[in-house]
């Protein structure tokens, strides 16, 4: 299982194909990270013994 930080690093390596209000954004854009908060918490919870 990967950590939340590893997940974010993998996202950064992917080509940008996300749009907000018609604007192409990077996958690590702060506006995207707001909605990713729950996903990142899930990765952290899964790796917490």
PDB file of N, CA and C in Angstrom:
ATOM      1  N   UNK A   1       0.854  -1.181   0.000  1.00  0.00           N
ATOM      2  CA  UNK A   1       0.000   0.000   0.000  1.00  0.00           C
ATOM      3  C   UNK A   1       0.894   1.236   0.000  1.00  0.00           C
ATOM      4  N   UNK A   2       0.529   2.216  -0.785  1.00  0.00           N
ATOM      5  CA  UNK A   2       1.313   3.451  -0.845  1.00  0.00           C
ATOM      6  C   UNK A   2       0.763   4.465   0.147  1.00  0.00           C
ATOM      7  N   UNK A   3       1.581   5.436   0.478  1.00  0.00           N
ATOM      8  CA  UNK A   3       1.158   6.498   1.387  1.00  0.00           C
ATOM      9  C   UNK A   3       0.466   7.607   0.595  1.00  0.00           C
ATOM     10  N   UNK A   4      -0.141   8.523   1.305  1.00  0.00           N
ATOM     11  CA  UNK A   4      -0.804   9.638   0.630  1.00  0.00           C
ATOM     12  C   UNK A   4       0.208  10.495  -0.125  1.00  0.00           C
ATOM     13  N   UNK A   5       1.394  10.660   0.435  1.00  0.00           N
ATOM     14  CA  UNK A   5       2.417  11.462  -0.238  1.00  0.00           C
ATOM     15  C   UNK A   5       2.877  10.782  -1.526  1.00  0.00           C
ATOM     16  N   UNK A   6       3.025   9.465  -1.496  1.00  0.00           N
ATOM     17  CA  UNK A   6       3.396   8.732  -2.704  1.00  0.00           C
ATOM     18  C   UNK A   6       2.302   8.854  -3.766  1.00  0.00           C
ATOM     19  N   UNK A   7       1.058   8.832  -3.325  1.00  0.00           N
ATOM     20  CA  UNK A   7      -0.069   8.988  -4.245  1.00  0.00           C
ATOM     21  C   UNK A   7      -0.016  10.343  -4.936  1.00  0.00           C
ATOM     22  N   UNK A   8       0.237  11.400  -4.175  1.00  0.00           N
ATOM     23  CA  UNK A   8       0.325  12.749  -4.740  1.00  0.00           C
ATOM     24  C   UNK A   8       1.489  12.824  -5.721  1.00  0.00           C
ATOM     25  N   UNK A   9       2.624  12.222  -5.387  1.00  0.00           N
ATOM     26  CA  UNK A   9       3.772  12.232  -6.291  1.00  0.00           C
ATOM     27  C   UNK A   9       3.445  11.512  -7.599  1.00  0.00           C
ATOM     28  N   UNK A  10       2.716  10.423  -7.515  1.00  0.00           N
ATOM     29  CA  UNK A  10       2.317   9.705  -8.729  1.00  0.00           C
ATOM     30  C   UNK A  10       1.359  10.540  -9.570  1.00  0.00           C
ATOM     31  N   UNK A  11       0.469  11.261  -8.911  1.00  0.00           N
ATOM     32  CA  UNK A  11      -0.455  12.125  -9.654  1.00  0.00           C
ATOM     33  C   UNK A  11       0.298  13.206 -10.430  1.00  0.00           C
ATOM     34  N   UNK A  12       1.327  13.752  -9.806  1.00  0.00           N
ATOM     35  CA  UNK A  12       2.103  14.810 -10.459  1.00  0.00           C
ATOM     36  C   UNK A  12       2.751  14.325 -11.746  1.00  0.00           C
ATOM     37  N   UNK A  13       3.046  13.028 -11.817  1.00  0.00           N
ATOM     38  CA  UNK A  13       3.731  12.502 -12.994  1.00  0.00           C
ATOM     39  C   UNK A  13       2.780  12.233 -14.162  1.00  0.00           C
ATOM     40  N   UNK A  14       1.491  12.261 -13.909  1.00  0.00           N
ATOM     41  CA  UNK A  14       0.508  12.018 -14.962  1.00  0.00           C
ATOM     42  C   UNK A  14       0.261  13.288 -15.779  1.00  0.00           C
ATOM     43  N   UNK A  15      -0.138  13.099 -17.021  1.00  0.00           N
ATOM     44  CA  UNK A  15      -0.398  14.268 -17.853  1.00  0.00           C
ATOM     45  C   UNK A  15      -1.646  14.990 -17.339  1.00  0.00           C
ATOM     46  N   UNK A  16      -1.654  16.315 -17.414  1.00  0.00           N
ATOM     47  CA  UNK A  16      -2.813  17.062 -16.942  1.00  0.00           C
ATOM     48  C   UNK A  16      -3.994  16.865 -17.886  1.00  0.00           C
ATOM     49  N   UNK A  17      -5.094  16.399 -17.354  1.00  0.00           N
ATOM     50  CA  UNK A  17      -6.319  16.265 -18.144  1.00  0.00           C
ATOM     51  C   UNK A  17      -7.537  16.585 -17.296  1.00  0.00           C
ATOM     52  N   UNK A  18      -7.335  17.435 -16.309  1.00  0.00           N
ATOM     53  CA  UNK A  18      -8.420  17.860 -15.425  1.00  0.00           C
ATOM     54  C   UNK A  18      -8.740  19.328 -15.724  1.00  0.00           C
ATOM     55  N   UNK A  19     -10.014  19.627 -15.717  1.00  0.00           N
ATOM     56  CA  UNK A  19     -10.463  20.987 -16.024  1.00  0.00           C
ATOM     57  C   UNK A  19     -11.335  21.511 -14.892  1.00  0.00           C
ATOM     58  N   UNK A  20     -11.154  22.770 -14.568  1.00  0.00           N
ATOM     59  CA  UNK A  20     -12.033  23.481 -13.645  1.00  0.00           C
ATOM     60  C   UNK A  20     -12.485  24.739 -14.367  1.00  0.00           C
ATOM     61  N   UNK A  21     -13.773  24.857 -14.576  1.00  0.00           N
ATOM     62  CA  UNK A  21     -14.359  26.003 -15.284  1.00  0.00           C
ATOM     63  C   UNK A  21     -13.672  26.227 -16.635  1.00  0.00           C
ATOM     64  N   UNK A  22     -13.394  25.136 -17.357  1.00  0.00           N
ATOM     65  CA  UNK A  22     -12.798  25.214 -18.677  1.00  0.00           C
ATOM     66  C   UNK A  22     -11.295  25.408 -18.700  1.00  0.00           C
ATOM     67  N   UNK A  23     -10.681  25.537 -17.537  1.00  0.00           N
ATOM     68  CA  UNK A  23      -9.235  25.741 -17.455  1.00  0.00           C
ATOM     69  C   UNK A  23      -8.540  24.407 -17.185  1.00  0.00           C
ATOM     70  N   UNK A  24      -7.558  24.060 -18.018  1.00  0.00           N
ATOM     71  CA  UNK A  24      -6.763  22.858 -17.812  1.00  0.00           C
ATOM     72  C   UNK A  24      -5.860  23.078 -16.614  1.00  0.00           C
ATOM     73  N   UNK A  25      -5.933  22.182 -15.647  1.00  0.00           N
ATOM     74  CA  UNK A  25      -5.123  22.331 -14.430  1.00  0.00           C
ATOM     75  C   UNK A  25      -4.245  21.106 -14.228  1.00  0.00           C
ATOM     76  N   UNK A  26      -3.188  21.294 -13.471  1.00  0.00           N
ATOM     77  CA  UNK A  26      -2.315  20.187 -13.084  1.00  0.00           C
ATOM     78  C   UNK A  26      -3.023  19.349 -12.017  1.00  0.00           C
ATOM     79  N   UNK A  27      -2.627  18.124 -11.907  1.00  0.00           N
ATOM     80  CA  UNK A  27      -3.277  17.233 -10.947  1.00  0.00           C
ATOM     81  C   UNK A  27      -2.954  17.582  -9.496  1.00  0.00           C
ATOM     82  N   UNK A  28      -1.919  18.376  -9.263  1.00  0.00           N
ATOM     83  CA  UNK A  28      -1.603  18.787  -7.900  1.00  0.00           C
ATOM     84  C   UNK A  28      -2.028  20.232  -7.624  1.00  0.00           C
ATOM     85  N   UNK A  29      -2.898  20.763  -8.468  1.00  0.00           N
ATOM     86  CA  UNK A  29      -3.420  22.116  -8.278  1.00  0.00           C
ATOM     87  C   UNK A  29      -4.137  22.186  -6.927  1.00  0.00           C
ATOM     88  N   UNK A  30      -3.939  23.253  -6.167  1.00  0.00           N
ATOM     89  CA  UNK A  30      -4.587  23.362  -4.851  1.00  0.00           C
ATOM     90  C   UNK A  30      -6.113  23.223  -4.905  1.00  0.00           C
ATOM     91  N   UNK A  31      -6.732  23.663  -5.996  1.00  0.00           N
ATOM     92  CA  UNK A  31      -8.184  23.515  -6.116  1.00  0.00           C
ATOM     93  C   UNK A  31      -8.584  22.054  -6.234  1.00  0.00           C
ATOM     94  N   UNK A  32      -7.724  21.248  -6.784  1.00  0.00           N
ATOM     95  CA  UNK A  32      -7.986  19.821  -6.910  1.00  0.00           C
ATOM     96  C   UNK A  32      -7.745  19.121  -5.569  1.00  0.00           C
ATOM     97  N   UNK A  33      -6.755  19.591  -4.844  1.00  0.00           N
ATOM     98  CA  UNK A  33      -6.382  18.951  -3.586  1.00  0.00           C
ATOM     99  C   UNK A  33      -7.468  19.086  -2.527  1.00  0.00           C
ATOM    100  N   UNK A  34      -8.287  20.099  -2.636  1.00  0.00           N
ATOM    101  CA  UNK A  34      -9.381  20.262  -1.681  1.00  0.00           C
ATOM    102  C   UNK A  34     -10.292  19.036  -1.715  1.00  0.00           C
ATOM    103  N   UNK A  35     -10.632  18.580  -2.912  1.00  0.00           N
ATOM    104  CA  UNK A  35     -11.514  17.419  -3.022  1.00  0.00           C
ATOM    105  C   UNK A  35     -10.771  16.108  -2.798  1.00  0.00           C
ATOM    106  N   UNK A  36      -9.449  16.124  -2.897  1.00  0.00           N
ATOM    107  CA  UNK A  36      -8.650  14.918  -2.699  1.00  0.00           C
ATOM    108  C   UNK A  36      -8.376  14.634  -1.231  1.00  0.00           C
ATOM    109  N   UNK A  37      -8.724  15.550  -0.369  1.00  0.00           N
ATOM    110  CA  UNK A  37      -8.435  15.415   1.057  1.00  0.00           C
ATOM    111  C   UNK A  37      -8.926  14.077   1.609  1.00  0.00           C
ATOM    112  N   UNK A  38     -10.132  13.670   1.271  1.00  0.00           N
ATOM    113  CA  UNK A  38     -10.686  12.422   1.780  1.00  0.00           C
ATOM    114  C   UNK A  38      -9.953  11.206   1.232  1.00  0.00           C
ATOM    115  N   UNK A  39      -9.547  11.265  -0.026  1.00  0.00           N
ATOM    116  CA  UNK A  39      -8.791  10.156  -0.609  1.00  0.00           C
ATOM    117  C   UNK A  39      -7.449  10.023   0.100  1.00  0.00           C
ATOM    118  N   UNK A  40      -6.776  11.137   0.344  1.00  0.00           N
ATOM    119  CA  UNK A  40      -5.494  11.106   1.017  1.00  0.00           C
ATOM    120  C   UNK A  40      -5.616  10.587   2.446  1.00  0.00           C
ATOM    121  N   UNK A  41      -6.696  10.953   3.122  1.00  0.00           N
ATOM    122  CA  UNK A  41      -6.932  10.455   4.477  1.00  0.00           C
ATOM    123  C   UNK A  41      -7.121   8.937   4.463  1.00  0.00           C
ATOM    124  N   UNK A  42      -7.741   8.407   3.422  1.00  0.00           N
ATOM    125  CA  UNK A  42      -7.951   6.972   3.299  1.00  0.00           C
ATOM    126  C   UNK A  42      -6.602   6.245   3.148  1.00  0.00           C
ATOM    127  N   UNK A  43      -5.720   6.797   2.321  1.00  0.00           N
ATOM    128  CA  UNK A  43      -4.394   6.202   2.171  1.00  0.00           C
ATOM    129  C   UNK A  43      -3.647   6.203   3.505  1.00  0.00           C
ATOM    130  N   UNK A  44      -3.724   7.304   4.242  1.00  0.00           N
ATOM    131  CA  UNK A  44      -3.053   7.379   5.528  1.00  0.00           C
ATOM    132  C   UNK A  44      -3.639   6.400   6.542  1.00  0.00           C
ATOM    133  N   UNK A  45      -4.952   6.288   6.549  1.00  0.00           N
ATOM    134  CA  UNK A  45      -5.606   5.364   7.499  1.00  0.00           C
ATOM    135  C   UNK A  45      -5.243   3.918   7.182  1.00  0.00           C
ATOM    136  N   UNK A  46      -5.143   3.593   5.909  1.00  0.00           N
ATOM    137  CA  UNK A  46      -4.810   2.208   5.520  1.00  0.00           C
ATOM    138  C   UNK A  46      -3.379   1.844   5.887  1.00  0.00           C
ATOM    139  N   UNK A  47      -2.495   2.823   5.903  1.00  0.00           N
ATOM    140  CA  UNK A  47      -1.096   2.537   6.220  1.00  0.00           C
ATOM    141  C   UNK A  47      -0.786   2.693   7.709  1.00  0.00           C
ATOM    142  N   UNK A  48      -1.767   3.088   8.504  1.00  0.00           N
ATOM    143  CA  UNK A  48      -1.573   3.265   9.956  1.00  0.00           C
ATOM    144  C   UNK A  48      -1.837   1.926  10.656  1.00  0.00           C
ATOM    145  N   UNK A  49      -0.811   1.382  11.289  1.00  0.00           N
ATOM    146  CA  UNK A  49      -1.008   0.072  11.934  1.00  0.00           C
ATOM    147  C   UNK A  49      -1.867   0.213  13.110  1.00  0.00           C
TER     148      UNK A  49
END
